[in-house]
């Protein structure tokens, strides 16, 4: 079983990168994509409001 986690450092960088206000009542505004590879993990986060992306990797 794979466990995908956002570290506290990643969370801090996401908060600094984020500048959009959520459009719906739930407050959700990000799409998270976790891509496991043979040498590590790629994490892509896309803002549903402005469509900007930020990427992290764990190699």
C-alpha atoms as a PDB file:
ATOM      1  CA  UNK A   1       0.000   0.000   0.000  1.00  0.00           C
ATOM      2  CA  UNK A   2       1.357   3.411  -0.975  1.00  0.00           C
ATOM      3  CA  UNK A   3       1.073   6.308   1.436  1.00  0.00           C
ATOM      4  CA  UNK A   4       1.100   9.793  -0.110  1.00  0.00           C
ATOM      5  CA  UNK A   5       1.827  12.643   2.284  1.00  0.00           C
ATOM      6  CA  UNK A   6       2.425  16.381   2.116  1.00  0.00           C
ATOM      7  CA  UNK A   7       5.263  17.313   4.475  1.00  0.00           C
ATOM      8  CA  UNK A   8       5.091  20.347   6.742  1.00  0.00           C
ATOM      9  CA  UNK A   9       7.749  22.051   4.585  1.00  0.00           C
ATOM     10  CA  UNK A  10       5.674  21.449   1.443  1.00  0.00           C
ATOM     11  CA  UNK A  11       2.575  22.762   3.217  1.00  0.00           C
ATOM     12  CA  UNK A  12       4.479  25.919   4.162  1.00  0.00           C
ATOM     13  CA  UNK A  13       5.593  26.453   0.532  1.00  0.00           C
ATOM     14  CA  UNK A  14       2.042  25.843  -0.740  1.00  0.00           C
ATOM     15  CA  UNK A  15       0.672  28.488   1.636  1.00  0.00           C
ATOM     16  CA  UNK A  16       3.300  30.997   0.429  1.00  0.00           C
ATOM     17  CA  UNK A  17       2.527  30.166  -3.233  1.00  0.00           C
ATOM     18  CA  UNK A  18      -1.266  30.345  -2.809  1.00  0.00           C
ATOM     19  CA  UNK A  19      -2.908  33.719  -3.448  1.00  0.00           C
ATOM     20  CA  UNK A  20      -6.402  32.731  -4.670  1.00  0.00           C
ATOM     21  CA  UNK A  21      -9.712  32.773  -2.837  1.00  0.00           C
ATOM     22  CA  UNK A  22     -11.846  29.607  -3.057  1.00  0.00           C
ATOM     23  CA  UNK A  23     -14.859  29.856  -5.352  1.00  0.00           C
ATOM     24  CA  UNK A  24     -17.168  27.389  -3.617  1.00  0.00           C
ATOM     25  CA  UNK A  25     -18.554  26.934  -0.116  1.00  0.00           C
ATOM     26  CA  UNK A  26     -16.299  23.981   0.744  1.00  0.00           C
ATOM     27  CA  UNK A  27     -13.135  26.071   0.442  1.00  0.00           C
ATOM     28  CA  UNK A  28     -11.493  23.425  -1.739  1.00  0.00           C
ATOM     29  CA  UNK A  29      -9.328  24.838  -4.497  1.00  0.00           C
ATOM     30  CA  UNK A  30      -6.451  22.443  -5.166  1.00  0.00           C
ATOM     31  CA  UNK A  31      -6.063  19.285  -7.243  1.00  0.00           C
ATOM     32  CA  UNK A  32      -3.272  17.024  -5.960  1.00  0.00           C
ATOM     33  CA  UNK A  33      -1.508  14.582  -8.299  1.00  0.00           C
ATOM     34  CA  UNK A  34       0.931  12.031  -6.879  1.00  0.00           C
ATOM     35  CA  UNK A  35       3.149  10.298  -9.450  1.00  0.00           C
ATOM     36  CA  UNK A  36       5.265   7.429  -8.100  1.00  0.00           C
ATOM     37  CA  UNK A  37       8.345   6.676 -10.217  1.00  0.00           C
ATOM     38  CA  UNK A  38      11.148   4.169  -9.985  1.00  0.00           C
ATOM     39  CA  UNK A  39      13.417   6.737  -8.319  1.00  0.00           C
ATOM     40  CA  UNK A  40      10.998   8.703  -6.146  1.00  0.00           C
ATOM     41  CA  UNK A  41       7.728  10.592  -5.982  1.00  0.00           C
ATOM     42  CA  UNK A  42       6.544  13.635  -7.941  1.00  0.00           C
ATOM     43  CA  UNK A  43       3.788  15.758  -6.401  1.00  0.00           C
ATOM     44  CA  UNK A  44       1.928  18.315  -8.518  1.00  0.00           C
ATOM     45  CA  UNK A  45      -0.607  20.728  -7.063  1.00  0.00           C
ATOM     46  CA  UNK A  46      -2.871  22.764  -9.343  1.00  0.00           C
ATOM     47  CA  UNK A  47      -5.014  25.694  -8.232  1.00  0.00           C
ATOM     48  CA  UNK A  48      -8.582  25.169  -9.484  1.00  0.00           C
ATOM     49  CA  UNK A  49      -9.120  28.944  -9.498  1.00  0.00           C
ATOM     50  CA  UNK A  50      -6.177  30.271 -11.550  1.00  0.00           C
ATOM     51  CA  UNK A  51      -4.769  26.975 -12.942  1.00  0.00           C
ATOM     52  CA  UNK A  52      -1.215  27.657 -11.711  1.00  0.00           C
ATOM     53  CA  UNK A  53       0.856  24.616 -10.714  1.00  0.00           C
ATOM     54  CA  UNK A  54       3.561  23.923  -8.178  1.00  0.00           C
ATOM     55  CA  UNK A  55       5.630  20.727  -8.162  1.00  0.00           C
ATOM     56  CA  UNK A  56       7.671  18.889  -5.559  1.00  0.00           C
ATOM     57  CA  UNK A  57       9.797  15.781  -5.842  1.00  0.00           C
ATOM     58  CA  UNK A  58      11.128  13.287  -3.335  1.00  0.00           C
ATOM     59  CA  UNK A  59      14.165  11.552  -4.824  1.00  0.00           C
END
